[in-house]
Amino acid sequence: RAEAAEGAEGDKRAEGAEGQRSRGATTNNQQPITNYQLPITKIMSVYSLL
């Protein structure tokens, strides 16, 4: 029983670590996308003026 409890705690810790990594990855990926979208809109507006 003690071993099963330790295994469950280990799984929870692993899931928590993966969750934090996935959250960090999504937030880090969203920031560059917003930074790239702004110059693209400016470039498109320049092409529309031409």
PDB file of N, CA and C in Angstrom:
ATOM      1  N   ARG A   1       0.840  -1.207   0.000  1.00  0.00           N
ATOM      2  CA  ARG A   1       0.000   0.000   0.000  1.00  0.00           C
ATOM      3  C   ARG A   1       0.873   1.254   0.000  1.00  0.00           C
ATOM      4  N   ALA A   2       1.923   1.264   0.784  1.00  0.00           N
ATOM      5  CA  ALA A   2       2.801   2.430   0.844  1.00  0.00           C
ATOM      6  C   ALA A   2       3.454   2.671  -0.515  1.00  0.00           C
ATOM      7  N   GLU A   3       3.854   1.585  -1.180  1.00  0.00           N
ATOM      8  CA  GLU A   3       4.489   1.746  -2.489  1.00  0.00           C
ATOM      9  C   GLU A   3       3.499   2.317  -3.499  1.00  0.00           C
ATOM     10  N   ALA A   4       2.247   1.870  -3.445  1.00  0.00           N
ATOM     11  CA  ALA A   4       1.243   2.377  -4.383  1.00  0.00           C
ATOM     12  C   ALA A   4       1.022   3.868  -4.155  1.00  0.00           C
ATOM     13  N   ALA A   5       0.988   4.282  -2.889  1.00  0.00           N
ATOM     14  CA  ALA A   5       0.782   5.699  -2.586  1.00  0.00           C
ATOM     15  C   ALA A   5       1.950   6.522  -3.121  1.00  0.00           C
ATOM     16  N   GLU A   6       3.170   6.021  -2.930  1.00  0.00           N
ATOM     17  CA  GLU A   6       4.334   6.747  -3.436  1.00  0.00           C
ATOM     18  C   GLU A   6       4.290   6.846  -4.957  1.00  0.00           C
ATOM     19  N   GLY A   7       3.855   5.779  -5.611  1.00  0.00           N
ATOM     20  CA  GLY A   7       3.758   5.816  -7.064  1.00  0.00           C
ATOM     21  C   GLY A   7       2.747   6.850  -7.524  1.00  0.00           C
ATOM     22  N   ALA A   8       1.616   6.945  -6.826  1.00  0.00           N
ATOM     23  CA  ALA A   8       0.597   7.921  -7.210  1.00  0.00           C
ATOM     24  C   ALA A   8       1.129   9.336  -7.031  1.00  0.00           C
ATOM     25  N   GLU A   9       1.854   9.566  -5.925  1.00  0.00           N
ATOM     26  CA  GLU A   9       2.420  10.898  -5.707  1.00  0.00           C
ATOM     27  C   GLU A   9       3.429  11.236  -6.799  1.00  0.00           C
ATOM     28  N   GLY A  10       4.209  10.257  -7.209  1.00  0.00           N
ATOM     29  CA  GLY A  10       5.182  10.491  -8.271  1.00  0.00           C
ATOM     30  C   GLY A  10       4.494  10.855  -9.576  1.00  0.00           C
ATOM     31  N   ASP A  11       3.377  10.184  -9.882  1.00  0.00           N
ATOM     32  CA  ASP A  11       2.640  10.493 -11.107  1.00  0.00           C
ATOM     33  C   ASP A  11       2.100  11.915 -11.047  1.00  0.00           C
ATOM     34  N   LYS A  12       1.581  12.304  -9.883  1.00  0.00           N
ATOM     35  CA  LYS A  12       1.035  13.658  -9.757  1.00  0.00           C
ATOM     36  C   LYS A  12       2.135  14.693  -9.970  1.00  0.00           C
ATOM     37  N   ARG A  13       3.306  14.425  -9.393  1.00  0.00           N
ATOM     38  CA  ARG A  13       4.414  15.362  -9.576  1.00  0.00           C
ATOM     39  C   ARG A  13       4.814  15.448 -11.042  1.00  0.00           C
ATOM     40  N   ALA A  14       4.852  14.316 -11.715  1.00  0.00           N
ATOM     41  CA  ALA A  14       5.227  14.311 -13.127  1.00  0.00           C
ATOM     42  C   ALA A  14       4.194  15.081 -13.946  1.00  0.00           C
ATOM     43  N   GLU A  15       2.910  14.854 -13.650  1.00  0.00           N
ATOM     44  CA  GLU A  15       1.868  15.565 -14.397  1.00  0.00           C
ATOM     45  C   GLU A  15       1.962  17.067 -14.149  1.00  0.00           C
ATOM     46  N   GLY A  16       2.234  17.456 -12.892  1.00  0.00           N
ATOM     47  CA  GLY A  16       2.355  18.877 -12.579  1.00  0.00           C
ATOM     48  C   GLY A  16       3.514  19.509 -13.335  1.00  0.00           C
ATOM     49  N   ALA A  17       4.641  18.812 -13.406  1.00  0.00           N
ATOM     50  CA  ALA A  17       5.797  19.349 -14.120  1.00  0.00           C
ATOM     51  C   ALA A  17       5.482  19.487 -15.608  1.00  0.00           C
ATOM     52  N   GLU A  18       4.833  18.477 -16.172  1.00  0.00           N
ATOM     53  CA  GLU A  18       4.487  18.554 -17.594  1.00  0.00           C
ATOM     54  C   GLU A  18       3.487  19.683 -17.841  1.00  0.00           C
ATOM     55  N   GLY A  19       2.529  19.854 -16.923  1.00  0.00           N
ATOM     56  CA  GLY A  19       1.543  20.914 -17.087  1.00  0.00           C
ATOM     57  C   GLY A  19       2.199  22.285 -17.083  1.00  0.00           C
ATOM     58  N   GLN A  20       3.153  22.483 -16.169  1.00  0.00           N
ATOM     59  CA  GLN A  20       3.839  23.768 -16.116  1.00  0.00           C
ATOM     60  C   GLN A  20       4.661  23.992 -17.380  1.00  0.00           C
ATOM     61  N   ARG A  21       5.295  22.939 -17.878  1.00  0.00           N
ATOM     62  CA  ARG A  21       6.093  23.089 -19.099  1.00  0.00           C
ATOM     63  C   ARG A  21       5.199  23.420 -20.282  1.00  0.00           C
ATOM     64  N   SER A  22       4.050  22.735 -20.384  1.00  0.00           N
ATOM     65  CA  SER A  22       3.154  22.986 -21.514  1.00  0.00           C
ATOM     66  C   SER A  22       2.593  24.403 -21.429  1.00  0.00           C
ATOM     67  N   ARG A  23       2.261  24.839 -20.214  1.00  0.00           N
ATOM     68  CA  ARG A  23       1.754  26.208 -20.066  1.00  0.00           C
ATOM     69  C   ARG A  23       2.826  27.211 -20.455  1.00  0.00           C
ATOM     70  N   GLY A  24       4.052  26.969 -20.006  1.00  0.00           N
ATOM     71  CA  GLY A  24       5.141  27.872 -20.355  1.00  0.00           C
ATOM     72  C   GLY A  24       5.382  27.904 -21.852  1.00  0.00           C
ATOM     73  N   ALA A  25       5.280  26.757 -22.486  1.00  0.00           N
ATOM     74  CA  ALA A  25       5.507  26.693 -23.924  1.00  0.00           C
ATOM     75  C   ALA A  25       4.424  27.461 -24.668  1.00  0.00           C
ATOM     76  N   THR A  26       3.170  27.319 -24.241  1.00  0.00           N
ATOM     77  CA  THR A  26       2.084  28.002 -24.944  1.00  0.00           C
ATOM     78  C   THR A  26       2.227  29.509 -24.778  1.00  0.00           C
ATOM     79  N   THR A  27       2.533  29.975 -23.567  1.00  0.00           N
ATOM     80  CA  THR A  27       2.659  31.410 -23.360  1.00  0.00           C
ATOM     81  C   THR A  27       3.864  31.948 -24.130  1.00  0.00           C
ATOM     82  N   ASN A  28       4.968  31.192 -24.156  1.00  0.00           N
ATOM     83  CA  ASN A  28       6.148  31.640 -24.891  1.00  0.00           C
ATOM     84  C   ASN A  28       5.885  31.644 -26.395  1.00  0.00           C
ATOM     85  N   ASN A  29       5.070  30.708 -26.879  1.00  0.00           N
ATOM     86  CA  ASN A  29       4.778  30.656 -28.306  1.00  0.00           C
ATOM     87  C   ASN A  29       3.791  31.747 -28.707  1.00  0.00           C
ATOM     88  N   GLN A  30       2.886  32.123 -27.814  1.00  0.00           N
ATOM     89  CA  GLN A  30       1.888  33.132 -28.159  1.00  0.00           C
ATOM     90  C   GLN A  30       2.521  34.519 -28.278  1.00  0.00           C
ATOM     91  N   GLN A  31       3.508  34.811 -27.458  1.00  0.00           N
ATOM     92  CA  GLN A  31       4.110  36.140 -27.490  1.00  0.00           C
ATOM     93  C   GLN A  31       4.796  36.441 -28.825  1.00  0.00           C
ATOM     94  N   PRO A  32       5.639  35.560 -29.368  1.00  0.00           N
ATOM     95  CA  PRO A  32       6.254  35.853 -30.667  1.00  0.00           C
ATOM     96  C   PRO A  32       5.224  35.961 -31.783  1.00  0.00           C
ATOM     97  N   ILE A  33       4.144  35.182 -31.711  1.00  0.00           N
ATOM     98  CA  ILE A  33       3.116  35.236 -32.761  1.00  0.00           C
ATOM     99  C   ILE A  33       2.515  36.637 -32.804  1.00  0.00           C
ATOM    100  N   THR A  34       2.203  37.213 -31.642  1.00  0.00           N
ATOM    101  CA  THR A  34       1.640  38.560 -31.619  1.00  0.00           C
ATOM    102  C   THR A  34       2.672  39.556 -32.146  1.00  0.00           C
ATOM    103  N   ASN A  35       3.953  39.341 -31.823  1.00  0.00           N
ATOM    104  CA  ASN A  35       5.000  40.243 -32.301  1.00  0.00           C
ATOM    105  C   ASN A  35       5.150  40.147 -33.822  1.00  0.00           C
ATOM    106  N   TYR A  36       4.955  38.955 -34.386  1.00  0.00           N
ATOM    107  CA  TYR A  36       5.079  38.796 -35.832  1.00  0.00           C
ATOM    108  C   TYR A  36       3.834  39.317 -36.550  1.00  0.00           C
ATOM    109  N   GLN A  37       2.668  39.217 -35.925  1.00  0.00           N
ATOM    110  CA  GLN A  37       1.438  39.650 -36.591  1.00  0.00           C
ATOM    111  C   GLN A  37       1.440  41.163 -36.817  1.00  0.00           C
ATOM    112  N   LEU A  38       1.977  41.932 -35.885  1.00  0.00           N
ATOM    113  CA  LEU A  38       1.954  43.384 -36.032  1.00  0.00           C
ATOM    114  C   LEU A  38       2.770  43.844 -37.243  1.00  0.00           C
ATOM    115  N   PRO A  39       4.017  43.392 -37.444  1.00  0.00           N
ATOM    116  CA  PRO A  39       4.755  43.797 -38.646  1.00  0.00           C
ATOM    117  C   PRO A  39       4.084  43.319 -39.926  1.00  0.00           C
ATOM    118  N   ILE A  40       3.464  42.139 -39.899  1.00  0.00           N
ATOM    119  CA  ILE A  40       2.797  41.625 -41.099  1.00  0.00           C
ATOM    120  C   ILE A  40       1.652  42.561 -41.492  1.00  0.00           C
ATOM    121  N   THR A  41       0.885  43.036 -40.526  1.00  0.00           N
ATOM    122  CA  THR A  41      -0.216  43.950 -40.842  1.00  0.00           C
ATOM    123  C   THR A  41       0.337  45.249 -41.418  1.00  0.00           C
ATOM    124  N   LYS A  42       1.461  45.729 -40.892  1.00  0.00           N
ATOM    125  CA  LYS A  42       2.070  46.946 -41.433  1.00  0.00           C
ATOM    126  C   LYS A  42       2.540  46.711 -42.865  1.00  0.00           C
ATOM    127  N   ILE A  43       3.147  45.562 -43.129  1.00  0.00           N
ATOM    128  CA  ILE A  43       3.618  45.249 -44.481  1.00  0.00           C
ATOM    129  C   ILE A  43       2.433  45.153 -45.438  1.00  0.00           C
ATOM    130  N   MET A  44       1.357  44.504 -45.004  1.00  0.00           N
ATOM    131  CA  MET A  44       0.178  44.370 -45.865  1.00  0.00           C
ATOM    132  C   MET A  44      -0.411  45.745 -46.165  1.00  0.00           C
ATOM    133  N   SER A  45      -0.420  46.650 -45.183  1.00  0.00           N
ATOM    134  CA  SER A  45      -0.960  47.983 -45.437  1.00  0.00           C
ATOM    135  C   SER A  45      -0.080  48.722 -46.443  1.00  0.00           C
ATOM    136  N   VAL A  46       1.225  48.519 -46.397  1.00  0.00           N
ATOM    137  CA  VAL A  46       2.131  49.152 -47.361  1.00  0.00           C
ATOM    138  C   VAL A  46       1.849  48.619 -48.760  1.00  0.00           C
ATOM    139  N   TYR A  47       1.646  47.303 -48.885  1.00  0.00           N
ATOM    140  CA  TYR A  47       1.350  46.733 -50.202  1.00  0.00           C
ATOM    141  C   TYR A  47       0.004  47.232 -50.716  1.00  0.00           C
ATOM    142  N   SER A  48      -0.957  47.432 -49.820  1.00  0.00           N
ATOM    143  CA  SER A  48      -2.268  47.907 -50.263  1.00  0.00           C
ATOM    144  C   SER A  48      -2.150  49.345 -50.780  1.00  0.00           C
ATOM    145  N   LEU A  49      -1.247  50.139 -50.211  1.00  0.00           N
ATOM    146  CA  LEU A  49      -1.054  51.502 -50.698  1.00  0.00           C
ATOM    147  C   LEU A  49      -0.400  51.488 -52.078  1.00  0.00           C
ATOM    148  N   LEU A  50       0.473  50.524 -52.342  1.00  0.00           N
ATOM    149  CA  LEU A  50       1.110  50.440 -53.651  1.00  0.00           C
ATOM    150  C   LEU A  50       0.071  50.015 -54.691  1.00  0.00           C
TER     151      LEU A  50
END
